Each structure stands twice: as structure tokens, then as C-alpha cells.
Amino acid sequence: MRLPGALRRHPAEALAIGLYAAAAAVGALAAVWLVGAAIVALSRAWTGLDKAAGVGVPVLATLVGMALWESGAKHIYIDEIIWESLAATGVVGLRIAALGTALFLAARLSRA
């Protein structure tokens, strides 16, 4: 099946792909990825492996991005480390992964 037909047949999944793409395109919308991830997790159109990739890859990319963050302070609290690393490099990882995952899920949906 072609992608436009698949998107019409699966509107919730189309919304999830759109939310992933929006999170990738606009940094301020990165949090809408969570709604897309919930739709992916509850979807019946994708396989379990598709769902695991759709939810897990962005989370893993965010954690890797946060791990790559370097703090210039010698004494910093853990909540500051988490927040600053998420804002500085974690969101970048999420946006890159959200784009790749949106393309992956769209390709898998067109085969459903």
C-alpha cells in the first residue's frame, strides 16, 4: 500500500508521525513527542518491534545526548545536571531521533 492511502486508513498513526515530525522540526515542540509516543505504543498498525523502535530510539538518543553534555561547574546539583543537559544536548538528540523515527514509522505504515 502506498503511504497516502495508509495515512488515510490509519489517522491516529498519521497523527503520531506528524507529531514526531513536528518535534523534529521545531525545538519548542519537542515535548509533543510524548503524545506521539503514546499513540505509537497503543497502535495496532505497527508490530511490537516497530513500537519498540518508535518509542525507544528517541529516548535512547535523548539519554546519549544528555551524556555527551559537559558542565563547566565544579559543584553542581543533580537536578541542575539533568535539566541543563536535557536542554543543551538532550533535546538535540530527541529531535534527530524523532525525524528518523517518523520516517521509519511512515515506511512501516505504508507496508501495513
N, C-alpha and C. Protein backbone atom coordinates (compact mmCIF):
# COMPACT_ATOMS: atom_id res chain seq x y z
N MET A 1 0.84 -1.17 0.00
CA MET A 1 0.00 0.00 0.00
C MET A 1 0.89 1.24 0.00
N ARG A 2 0.45 2.24 -0.66
CA ARG A 2 1.20 3.49 -0.71
C ARG A 2 0.95 4.32 0.54
N LEU A 3 1.87 5.22 0.83
CA LEU A 3 1.81 5.99 2.06
C LEU A 3 0.55 6.85 2.18
N PRO A 4 0.12 7.61 1.15
CA PRO A 4 -1.09 8.42 1.34
C PRO A 4 -2.32 7.58 1.71
N GLY A 5 -2.46 6.43 1.09
CA GLY A 5 -3.58 5.55 1.43
C GLY A 5 -3.47 5.02 2.84
N ALA A 6 -2.25 4.68 3.25
CA ALA A 6 -2.03 4.17 4.61
C ALA A 6 -2.33 5.25 5.64
N LEU A 7 -1.97 6.50 5.34
CA LEU A 7 -2.25 7.59 6.27
C LEU A 7 -3.75 7.84 6.40
N ARG A 8 -4.50 7.68 5.31
CA ARG A 8 -5.95 7.84 5.37
C ARG A 8 -6.60 6.70 6.15
N ARG A 9 -6.07 5.51 6.00
CA ARG A 9 -6.64 4.34 6.70
C ARG A 9 -6.30 4.34 8.18
N HIS A 10 -5.22 4.97 8.55
CA HIS A 10 -4.76 4.97 9.95
C HIS A 10 -4.55 6.41 10.43
N PRO A 11 -5.64 7.14 10.72
CA PRO A 11 -5.48 8.56 11.09
C PRO A 11 -4.71 8.78 12.41
N ALA A 12 -4.88 7.90 13.37
CA ALA A 12 -4.15 8.07 14.64
C ALA A 12 -2.65 7.91 14.41
N GLU A 13 -2.28 6.94 13.60
CA GLU A 13 -0.87 6.72 13.30
C GLU A 13 -0.30 7.87 12.48
N ALA A 14 -1.14 8.43 11.59
CA ALA A 14 -0.72 9.61 10.83
C ALA A 14 -0.45 10.79 11.77
N LEU A 15 -1.30 10.93 12.79
CA LEU A 15 -1.09 11.98 13.79
C LEU A 15 0.22 11.75 14.54
N ALA A 16 0.49 10.51 14.91
CA ALA A 16 1.74 10.20 15.61
C ALA A 16 2.95 10.57 14.76
N ILE A 17 2.91 10.21 13.49
CA ILE A 17 4.02 10.55 12.58
C ILE A 17 4.15 12.07 12.47
N GLY A 18 3.02 12.77 12.38
CA GLY A 18 3.05 14.23 12.32
C GLY A 18 3.62 14.86 13.57
N LEU A 19 3.29 14.30 14.73
CA LEU A 19 3.83 14.82 15.99
C LEU A 19 5.33 14.58 16.09
N TYR A 20 5.78 13.42 15.64
CA TYR A 20 7.22 13.15 15.62
C TYR A 20 7.92 14.16 14.70
N ALA A 21 7.33 14.40 13.53
CA ALA A 21 7.93 15.35 12.58
C ALA A 21 7.93 16.76 13.14
N ALA A 22 6.86 17.15 13.83
CA ALA A 22 6.80 18.48 14.44
C ALA A 22 7.85 18.62 15.53
N ALA A 23 8.03 17.58 16.33
CA ALA A 23 9.05 17.61 17.38
C ALA A 23 10.44 17.73 16.77
N ALA A 24 10.65 17.10 15.63
CA ALA A 24 11.95 17.17 14.97
C ALA A 24 12.18 18.54 14.35
N ALA A 25 11.14 19.15 13.82
CA ALA A 25 11.29 20.41 13.09
C ALA A 25 11.42 21.62 14.01
N VAL A 26 10.69 21.63 15.11
CA VAL A 26 10.65 22.80 15.98
C VAL A 26 11.07 22.39 17.39
N GLY A 27 12.15 22.92 17.86
CA GLY A 27 12.67 22.54 19.17
C GLY A 27 11.70 22.80 20.31
N ALA A 28 10.91 23.88 20.20
CA ALA A 28 9.96 24.19 21.26
C ALA A 28 8.83 23.17 21.34
N LEU A 29 8.64 22.39 20.29
CA LEU A 29 7.59 21.37 20.27
C LEU A 29 8.12 19.98 20.60
N ALA A 30 9.31 19.89 21.12
CA ALA A 30 9.90 18.58 21.39
C ALA A 30 9.05 17.76 22.36
N ALA A 31 8.35 18.42 23.27
CA ALA A 31 7.54 17.70 24.24
C ALA A 31 6.33 17.02 23.61
N VAL A 32 5.87 17.46 22.44
CA VAL A 32 4.72 16.80 21.81
C VAL A 32 5.09 15.40 21.35
N TRP A 33 6.38 15.10 21.34
CA TRP A 33 6.81 13.75 21.01
C TRP A 33 6.17 12.75 21.97
N LEU A 34 5.98 13.13 23.22
CA LEU A 34 5.39 12.22 24.20
C LEU A 34 3.99 11.77 23.79
N VAL A 35 3.20 12.66 23.25
CA VAL A 35 1.86 12.29 22.78
C VAL A 35 1.97 11.33 21.61
N GLY A 36 2.87 11.62 20.69
CA GLY A 36 3.11 10.72 19.57
C GLY A 36 3.58 9.35 20.03
N ALA A 37 4.44 9.32 21.04
CA ALA A 37 4.94 8.05 21.56
C ALA A 37 3.81 7.24 22.20
N ALA A 38 2.89 7.91 22.87
CA ALA A 38 1.74 7.20 23.46
C ALA A 38 0.87 6.60 22.36
N ILE A 39 0.67 7.33 21.28
CA ILE A 39 -0.12 6.81 20.16
C ILE A 39 0.58 5.61 19.54
N VAL A 40 1.89 5.72 19.37
CA VAL A 40 2.66 4.60 18.80
C VAL A 40 2.53 3.37 19.69
N ALA A 41 2.68 3.56 20.99
CA ALA A 41 2.63 2.42 21.92
C ALA A 41 1.27 1.74 21.92
N LEU A 42 0.20 2.50 21.69
CA LEU A 42 -1.16 1.94 21.72
C LEU A 42 -1.66 1.49 20.36
N SER A 43 -0.90 1.74 19.32
CA SER A 43 -1.33 1.44 17.96
C SER A 43 -1.40 -0.06 17.69
N ARG A 44 -2.32 -0.43 16.82
CA ARG A 44 -2.41 -1.82 16.37
C ARG A 44 -1.85 -1.98 14.96
N ALA A 45 -1.47 -0.88 14.35
CA ALA A 45 -0.98 -0.93 12.96
C ALA A 45 0.48 -1.35 12.88
N TRP A 46 1.25 -1.09 13.92
CA TRP A 46 2.66 -1.41 13.92
C TRP A 46 2.92 -2.66 14.75
N THR A 47 4.00 -3.36 14.42
CA THR A 47 4.39 -4.55 15.18
C THR A 47 5.04 -4.13 16.50
N GLY A 48 5.27 -5.09 17.35
CA GLY A 48 5.93 -4.81 18.62
C GLY A 48 7.32 -4.24 18.44
N LEU A 49 8.04 -4.74 17.43
CA LEU A 49 9.38 -4.23 17.15
C LEU A 49 9.31 -2.79 16.65
N ASP A 50 8.32 -2.49 15.81
CA ASP A 50 8.13 -1.12 15.33
C ASP A 50 7.86 -0.18 16.51
N LYS A 51 7.01 -0.63 17.42
CA LYS A 51 6.68 0.18 18.60
C LYS A 51 7.90 0.39 19.48
N ALA A 52 8.68 -0.67 19.67
CA ALA A 52 9.88 -0.55 20.50
C ALA A 52 10.86 0.45 19.89
N ALA A 53 11.03 0.40 18.58
CA ALA A 53 11.91 1.36 17.91
C ALA A 53 11.31 2.76 17.97
N GLY A 54 10.01 2.86 17.77
CA GLY A 54 9.34 4.16 17.76
C GLY A 54 9.40 4.89 19.08
N VAL A 55 9.38 4.15 20.16
CA VAL A 55 9.43 4.76 21.48
C VAL A 55 10.86 4.75 22.04
N GLY A 56 11.58 3.67 21.84
CA GLY A 56 12.89 3.52 22.45
C GLY A 56 14.01 4.33 21.83
N VAL A 57 14.02 4.45 20.51
CA VAL A 57 15.12 5.17 19.85
C VAL A 57 15.17 6.64 20.27
N PRO A 58 14.05 7.38 20.28
CA PRO A 58 14.14 8.77 20.75
C PRO A 58 14.58 8.90 22.22
N VAL A 59 14.10 7.97 23.06
CA VAL A 59 14.52 8.01 24.47
C VAL A 59 16.02 7.76 24.57
N LEU A 60 16.50 6.76 23.88
CA LEU A 60 17.93 6.44 23.90
C LEU A 60 18.76 7.60 23.35
N ALA A 61 18.32 8.21 22.26
CA ALA A 61 19.05 9.33 21.68
C ALA A 61 19.09 10.52 22.63
N THR A 62 18.00 10.74 23.36
CA THR A 62 17.97 11.82 24.34
C THR A 62 18.97 11.54 25.46
N LEU A 63 19.00 10.31 25.94
CA LEU A 63 19.94 9.96 27.01
C LEU A 63 21.39 10.05 26.55
N VAL A 64 21.66 9.64 25.32
CA VAL A 64 23.02 9.75 24.77
C VAL A 64 23.40 11.22 24.65
N GLY A 65 22.47 12.04 24.15
CA GLY A 65 22.74 13.47 24.06
C GLY A 65 23.02 14.09 25.42
N MET A 66 22.26 13.68 26.42
CA MET A 66 22.48 14.19 27.77
C MET A 66 23.83 13.74 28.32
N ALA A 67 24.24 12.52 28.00
CA ALA A 67 25.52 12.01 28.48
C ALA A 67 26.70 12.74 27.85
N LEU A 68 26.51 13.28 26.66
CA LEU A 68 27.58 14.00 25.98
C LEU A 68 27.75 15.43 26.46
N TRP A 69 26.83 15.90 27.29
CA TRP A 69 26.87 17.27 27.79
C TRP A 69 28.03 17.44 28.76
N GLU A 70 28.72 18.57 28.65
CA GLU A 70 29.82 18.87 29.56
C GLU A 70 29.46 20.09 30.40
N SER A 71 29.58 19.92 31.70
CA SER A 71 29.31 21.01 32.62
C SER A 71 30.60 21.75 32.93
N GLY A 72 30.53 23.06 32.98
CA GLY A 72 31.70 23.85 33.32
C GLY A 72 31.85 24.07 34.81
N ALA A 73 30.81 23.76 35.58
CA ALA A 73 30.84 24.00 37.02
C ALA A 73 31.48 22.82 37.75
N LYS A 74 32.13 23.13 38.87
CA LYS A 74 32.75 22.07 39.67
C LYS A 74 31.75 21.50 40.67
N HIS A 75 30.91 22.34 41.22
CA HIS A 75 29.91 21.90 42.20
C HIS A 75 28.53 22.21 41.62
N ILE A 76 27.82 21.17 41.30
CA ILE A 76 26.51 21.35 40.69
C ILE A 76 25.59 20.26 41.24
N TYR A 77 24.35 20.59 41.39
CA TYR A 77 23.37 19.64 41.93
C TYR A 77 22.83 18.75 40.81
N ILE A 78 22.39 17.55 41.18
CA ILE A 78 21.94 16.57 40.19
C ILE A 78 20.76 17.09 39.38
N ASP A 79 19.85 17.82 40.02
CA ASP A 79 18.71 18.34 39.27
C ASP A 79 19.16 19.35 38.22
N GLU A 80 20.19 20.12 38.53
CA GLU A 80 20.73 21.06 37.55
C GLU A 80 21.42 20.33 36.41
N ILE A 81 22.12 19.24 36.73
CA ILE A 81 22.77 18.44 35.69
C ILE A 81 21.73 17.89 34.73
N ILE A 82 20.67 17.30 35.28
CA ILE A 82 19.63 16.71 34.44
C ILE A 82 18.97 17.77 33.57
N TRP A 83 18.55 18.87 34.19
CA TRP A 83 17.83 19.90 33.44
C TRP A 83 18.72 20.56 32.38
N GLU A 84 19.93 20.93 32.75
CA GLU A 84 20.81 21.62 31.81
C GLU A 84 21.28 20.71 30.68
N SER A 85 21.55 19.45 30.99
CA SER A 85 21.97 18.53 29.93
C SER A 85 20.81 18.22 28.99
N LEU A 86 19.60 18.13 29.52
CA LEU A 86 18.43 17.91 28.67
C LEU A 86 18.22 19.10 27.74
N ALA A 87 18.29 20.29 28.30
CA ALA A 87 18.07 21.49 27.50
C ALA A 87 19.18 21.72 26.48
N ALA A 88 20.42 21.43 26.85
CA ALA A 88 21.55 21.74 25.97
C ALA A 88 21.75 20.71 24.87
N THR A 89 21.77 19.44 25.22
CA THR A 89 22.09 18.42 24.21
C THR A 89 21.05 17.31 24.10
N GLY A 90 20.27 17.09 25.14
CA GLY A 90 19.27 16.02 25.09
C GLY A 90 18.18 16.28 24.07
N VAL A 91 17.72 17.52 23.98
CA VAL A 91 16.67 17.86 23.02
C VAL A 91 17.18 17.71 21.59
N VAL A 92 18.45 17.99 21.37
CA VAL A 92 19.04 17.80 20.04
C VAL A 92 18.97 16.33 19.64
N GLY A 93 19.36 15.46 20.56
CA GLY A 93 19.27 14.02 20.29
C GLY A 93 17.85 13.58 20.03
N LEU A 94 16.90 14.11 20.81
CA LEU A 94 15.49 13.77 20.62
C LEU A 94 15.01 14.22 19.25
N ARG A 95 15.37 15.43 18.84
CA ARG A 95 14.90 15.94 17.55
C ARG A 95 15.45 15.13 16.39
N ILE A 96 16.71 14.77 16.45
CA ILE A 96 17.30 13.96 15.37
C ILE A 96 16.63 12.59 15.32
N ALA A 97 16.46 11.98 16.49
CA ALA A 97 15.83 10.65 16.54
C ALA A 97 14.36 10.72 16.13
N ALA A 98 13.67 11.79 16.50
CA ALA A 98 12.26 11.92 16.13
C ALA A 98 12.10 11.98 14.61
N LEU A 99 13.01 12.66 13.94
CA LEU A 99 12.95 12.72 12.47
C LEU A 99 13.16 11.33 11.87
N GLY A 100 14.21 10.66 12.30
CA GLY A 100 14.48 9.32 11.79
C GLY A 100 13.37 8.35 12.10
N THR A 101 12.82 8.44 13.30
CA THR A 101 11.75 7.54 13.69
C THR A 101 10.47 7.83 12.92
N ALA A 102 10.18 9.10 12.66
CA ALA A 102 9.00 9.44 11.86
C ALA A 102 9.10 8.83 10.47
N LEU A 103 10.27 8.92 9.87
CA LEU A 103 10.47 8.33 8.54
C LEU A 103 10.35 6.81 8.60
N PHE A 104 10.92 6.20 9.63
CA PHE A 104 10.84 4.75 9.80
C PHE A 104 9.39 4.30 9.97
N LEU A 105 8.65 4.97 10.85
CA LEU A 105 7.27 4.58 11.10
C LEU A 105 6.39 4.80 9.87
N ALA A 106 6.66 5.86 9.12
CA ALA A 106 5.90 6.09 7.89
C ALA A 106 6.16 4.98 6.88
N ALA A 107 7.41 4.57 6.76
CA ALA A 107 7.74 3.48 5.84
C ALA A 107 7.08 2.18 6.28
N ARG A 108 7.09 1.91 7.58
CA ARG A 108 6.47 0.68 8.08
C ARG A 108 4.95 0.73 7.95
N LEU A 109 4.37 1.91 8.11
CA LEU A 109 2.91 2.04 7.97
C LEU A 109 2.48 1.81 6.54
N SER A 110 3.31 2.25 5.60
CA SER A 110 2.94 2.07 4.19
C SER A 110 2.96 0.60 3.79
N ARG A 111 3.63 -0.23 4.58
CA ARG A 111 3.66 -1.68 4.31
C ARG A 111 2.58 -2.43 5.06
N ALA A 112 1.91 -1.74 5.98
CA ALA A 112 0.87 -2.41 6.80
C ALA A 112 -0.40 -2.66 6.01
